[in-house]
């Protein structure tokens, strides 16, 4: 005659199951969530699933927030870079304008000096 698990172990079998669930959850979650006690197998399983779900959801939220923070940081860095590039382009145009103005002024002054040296003395 074979004995069923409920005949053989009674509540000790259920407590052992709760302990096994806690042992299985510990490596995944990092600590014991399910305390061995007088829970039914279904209740212990549901409790473990809820705790695993909470841990997975918390990890997902953290990963999502980290990703949003990284995107925000990169967008801020891009805005700073664009601003710096715009300033550099403005400075380059300013330098080019100054160089052209100096070149024009020197050329004009050279022509004036050249014209004054080539005038015939009256």
C-alpha atoms as a PDB file:
ATOM      1  CA  UNK A   1       0.000   0.000   0.000  1.00  0.00           C
ATOM      2  CA  UNK A   2       1.474   3.319  -0.995  1.00  0.00           C
ATOM      3  CA  UNK A   3       1.252   6.387   1.165  1.00  0.00           C
ATOM      4  CA  UNK A   4       0.532   9.832  -0.217  1.00  0.00           C
ATOM      5  CA  UNK A   5       2.652  12.863   0.664  1.00  0.00           C
ATOM      6  CA  UNK A   6      -0.071  14.183   2.932  1.00  0.00           C
ATOM      7  CA  UNK A   7      -0.286  10.871   4.805  1.00  0.00           C
ATOM      8  CA  UNK A   8       3.468  10.589   5.183  1.00  0.00           C
ATOM      9  CA  UNK A   9       4.508  14.071   6.159  1.00  0.00           C
ATOM     10  CA  UNK A  10       1.468  15.979   7.252  1.00  0.00           C
ATOM     11  CA  UNK A  11       2.278  19.638   7.939  1.00  0.00           C
ATOM     12  CA  UNK A  12       5.996  18.851   8.137  1.00  0.00           C
ATOM     13  CA  UNK A  13       5.891  18.093   4.393  1.00  0.00           C
ATOM     14  CA  UNK A  14       4.353  21.493   3.669  1.00  0.00           C
ATOM     15  CA  UNK A  15       6.865  23.267   5.864  1.00  0.00           C
ATOM     16  CA  UNK A  16       9.623  21.420   4.052  1.00  0.00           C
ATOM     17  CA  UNK A  17       8.143  22.588   0.753  1.00  0.00           C
ATOM     18  CA  UNK A  18       8.076  26.194   1.982  1.00  0.00           C
ATOM     19  CA  UNK A  19      11.699  25.875   2.972  1.00  0.00           C
ATOM     20  CA  UNK A  20      12.549  24.444  -0.458  1.00  0.00           C
ATOM     21  CA  UNK A  21      10.799  27.362  -2.166  1.00  0.00           C
ATOM     22  CA  UNK A  22      12.785  29.786  -0.038  1.00  0.00           C
ATOM     23  CA  UNK A  23      16.003  27.945  -0.917  1.00  0.00           C
ATOM     24  CA  UNK A  24      15.146  28.153  -4.619  1.00  0.00           C
ATOM     25  CA  UNK A  25      14.307  31.858  -4.429  1.00  0.00           C
ATOM     26  CA  UNK A  26      17.427  32.815  -2.483  1.00  0.00           C
ATOM     27  CA  UNK A  27      19.933  32.614  -5.394  1.00  0.00           C
ATOM     28  CA  UNK A  28      17.570  34.519  -7.695  1.00  0.00           C
ATOM     29  CA  UNK A  29      16.542  37.244  -5.284  1.00  0.00           C
ATOM     30  CA  UNK A  30      19.617  37.444  -3.081  1.00  0.00           C
ATOM     31  CA  UNK A  31      17.875  36.739   0.205  1.00  0.00           C
ATOM     32  CA  UNK A  32      15.120  34.670   1.709  1.00  0.00           C
ATOM     33  CA  UNK A  33      11.648  36.046   1.088  1.00  0.00           C
ATOM     34  CA  UNK A  34       9.509  33.075   1.957  1.00  0.00           C
ATOM     35  CA  UNK A  35       9.780  32.083   5.601  1.00  0.00           C
ATOM     36  CA  UNK A  36       9.191  28.450   6.362  1.00  0.00           C
ATOM     37  CA  UNK A  37       5.881  28.133   8.092  1.00  0.00           C
ATOM     38  CA  UNK A  38       2.430  26.676   7.804  1.00  0.00           C
ATOM     39  CA  UNK A  39       1.539  27.798   4.303  1.00  0.00           C
ATOM     40  CA  UNK A  40      -0.229  25.669   1.789  1.00  0.00           C
ATOM     41  CA  UNK A  41       1.757  24.750  -1.285  1.00  0.00           C
ATOM     42  CA  UNK A  42      -0.417  26.980  -3.464  1.00  0.00           C
ATOM     43  CA  UNK A  43      -0.161  29.950  -1.102  1.00  0.00           C
ATOM     44  CA  UNK A  44       3.607  29.521  -0.812  1.00  0.00           C
ATOM     45  CA  UNK A  45       3.954  29.327  -4.597  1.00  0.00           C
ATOM     46  CA  UNK A  46       1.808  32.413  -5.124  1.00  0.00           C
ATOM     47  CA  UNK A  47       3.703  34.307  -2.455  1.00  0.00           C
ATOM     48  CA  UNK A  48       7.023  33.375  -4.031  1.00  0.00           C
ATOM     49  CA  UNK A  49       5.809  34.378  -7.489  1.00  0.00           C
ATOM     50  CA  UNK A  50       4.603  37.727  -6.162  1.00  0.00           C
ATOM     51  CA  UNK A  51       7.955  38.349  -4.502  1.00  0.00           C
ATOM     52  CA  UNK A  52       9.875  37.350  -7.624  1.00  0.00           C
ATOM     53  CA  UNK A  53       7.600  39.612  -9.682  1.00  0.00           C
ATOM     54  CA  UNK A  54       8.269  42.523  -7.308  1.00  0.00           C
ATOM     55  CA  UNK A  55      12.031  41.963  -7.534  1.00  0.00           C
ATOM     56  CA  UNK A  56      11.960  41.689 -11.340  1.00  0.00           C
ATOM     57  CA  UNK A  57       9.780  44.784 -11.595  1.00  0.00           C
ATOM     58  CA  UNK A  58      12.119  46.747  -9.313  1.00  0.00           C
ATOM     59  CA  UNK A  59      15.110  45.702 -11.432  1.00  0.00           C
ATOM     60  CA  UNK A  60      13.242  46.701 -14.608  1.00  0.00           C
ATOM     61  CA  UNK A  61      12.345  50.102 -13.159  1.00  0.00           C
ATOM     62  CA  UNK A  62      15.946  50.687 -12.124  1.00  0.00           C
ATOM     63  CA  UNK A  63      17.237  49.683 -15.563  1.00  0.00           C
ATOM     64  CA  UNK A  64      14.657  51.903 -17.269  1.00  0.00           C
ATOM     65  CA  UNK A  65      15.467  54.901 -15.090  1.00  0.00           C
ATOM     66  CA  UNK A  66      19.185  54.353 -15.696  1.00  0.00           C
ATOM     67  CA  UNK A  67      18.578  54.223 -19.448  1.00  0.00           C
ATOM     68  CA  UNK A  68      16.523  57.442 -19.372  1.00  0.00           C
ATOM     69  CA  UNK A  69      19.229  59.132 -17.297  1.00  0.00           C
ATOM     70  CA  UNK A  70      21.911  58.066 -19.793  1.00  0.00           C
ATOM     71  CA  UNK A  71      19.855  59.371 -22.718  1.00  0.00           C
ATOM     72  CA  UNK A  72      19.265  62.659 -20.895  1.00  0.00           C
ATOM     73  CA  UNK A  73      22.978  62.986 -20.074  1.00  0.00           C
ATOM     74  CA  UNK A  74      23.936  62.288 -23.694  1.00  0.00           C
ATOM     75  CA  UNK A  75      21.403  64.819 -24.996  1.00  0.00           C
ATOM     76  CA  UNK A  76      22.795  67.428 -22.599  1.00  0.00           C
ATOM     77  CA  UNK A  77      26.340  66.658 -23.766  1.00  0.00           C
ATOM     78  CA  UNK A  78      25.182  66.971 -27.383  1.00  0.00           C
ATOM     79  CA  UNK A  79      23.603  70.371 -26.686  1.00  0.00           C
ATOM     80  CA  UNK A  80      26.828  71.552 -25.047  1.00  0.00           C
ATOM     81  CA  UNK A  81      28.874  70.287 -27.991  1.00  0.00           C
ATOM     82  CA  UNK A  82      26.574  72.005 -30.500  1.00  0.00           C
ATOM     83  CA  UNK A  83      26.847  75.254 -28.518  1.00  0.00           C
ATOM     84  CA  UNK A  84      30.642  75.001 -28.446  1.00  0.00           C
ATOM     85  CA  UNK A  85      30.744  74.264 -32.185  1.00  0.00           C
ATOM     86  CA  UNK A  86      28.511  77.272 -32.878  1.00  0.00           C
ATOM     87  CA  UNK A  87      30.796  79.486 -30.783  1.00  0.00           C
ATOM     88  CA  UNK A  88      33.869  78.139 -32.587  1.00  0.00           C
ATOM     89  CA  UNK A  89      32.244  78.745 -35.962  1.00  0.00           C
ATOM     90  CA  UNK A  90      31.405  82.301 -34.893  1.00  0.00           C
ATOM     91  CA  UNK A  91      34.987  82.877 -33.753  1.00  0.00           C
ATOM     92  CA  UNK A  92      36.294  81.464 -37.037  1.00  0.00           C
ATOM     93  CA  UNK A  93      34.050  83.799 -39.034  1.00  0.00           C
ATOM     94  CA  UNK A  94      35.147  86.700 -36.837  1.00  0.00           C
ATOM     95  CA  UNK A  95      38.833  85.845 -37.357  1.00  0.00           C
ATOM     96  CA  UNK A  96      38.267  85.494 -41.100  1.00  0.00           C
ATOM     97  CA  UNK A  97      36.516  88.859 -41.149  1.00  0.00           C
ATOM     98  CA  UNK A  98      39.317  90.514 -39.178  1.00  0.00           C
ATOM     99  CA  UNK A  99      41.927  88.959 -41.477  1.00  0.00           C
ATOM    100  CA  UNK A 100      40.065  90.195 -44.548  1.00  0.00           C
ATOM    101  CA  UNK A 101      39.693  93.665 -43.048  1.00  0.00           C
ATOM    102  CA  UNK A 102      43.398  93.818 -42.154  1.00  0.00           C
ATOM    103  CA  UNK A 103      44.360  92.581 -45.620  1.00  0.00           C
ATOM    104  CA  UNK A 104      42.141  95.201 -47.241  1.00  0.00           C
ATOM    105  CA  UNK A 105      43.500  97.953 -44.992  1.00  0.00           C
ATOM    106  CA  UNK A 106      47.126  96.956 -45.671  1.00  0.00           C
ATOM    107  CA  UNK A 107      46.446  96.778 -49.414  1.00  0.00           C
ATOM    108  CA  UNK A 108      44.807 100.213 -49.378  1.00  0.00           C
ATOM    109  CA  UNK A 109      47.667 101.684 -47.352  1.00  0.00           C
ATOM    110  CA  UNK A 110      50.201 100.070 -49.699  1.00  0.00           C
ATOM    111  CA  UNK A 111      48.470 101.559 -52.724  1.00  0.00           C
ATOM    112  CA  UNK A 112      48.420 104.976 -51.071  1.00  0.00           C
ATOM    113  CA  UNK A 113      52.131 104.763 -50.287  1.00  0.00           C
ATOM    114  CA  UNK A 114      52.884 103.502 -53.758  1.00  0.00           C
ATOM    115  CA  UNK A 115      50.866 106.310 -55.310  1.00  0.00           C
ATOM    116  CA  UNK A 116      52.636 108.936 -53.225  1.00  0.00           C
ATOM    117  CA  UNK A 117      56.077 107.643 -54.270  1.00  0.00           C
ATOM    118  CA  UNK A 118      55.219 107.625 -57.962  1.00  0.00           C
ATOM    119  CA  UNK A 119      53.884 111.141 -58.195  1.00  0.00           C
ATOM    120  CA  UNK A 120      55.958 113.373 -60.316  1.00  0.00           C
ATOM    121  CA  UNK A 121      57.408 116.317 -58.477  1.00  0.00           C
ATOM    122  CA  UNK A 122      56.023 119.524 -59.833  1.00  0.00           C
END
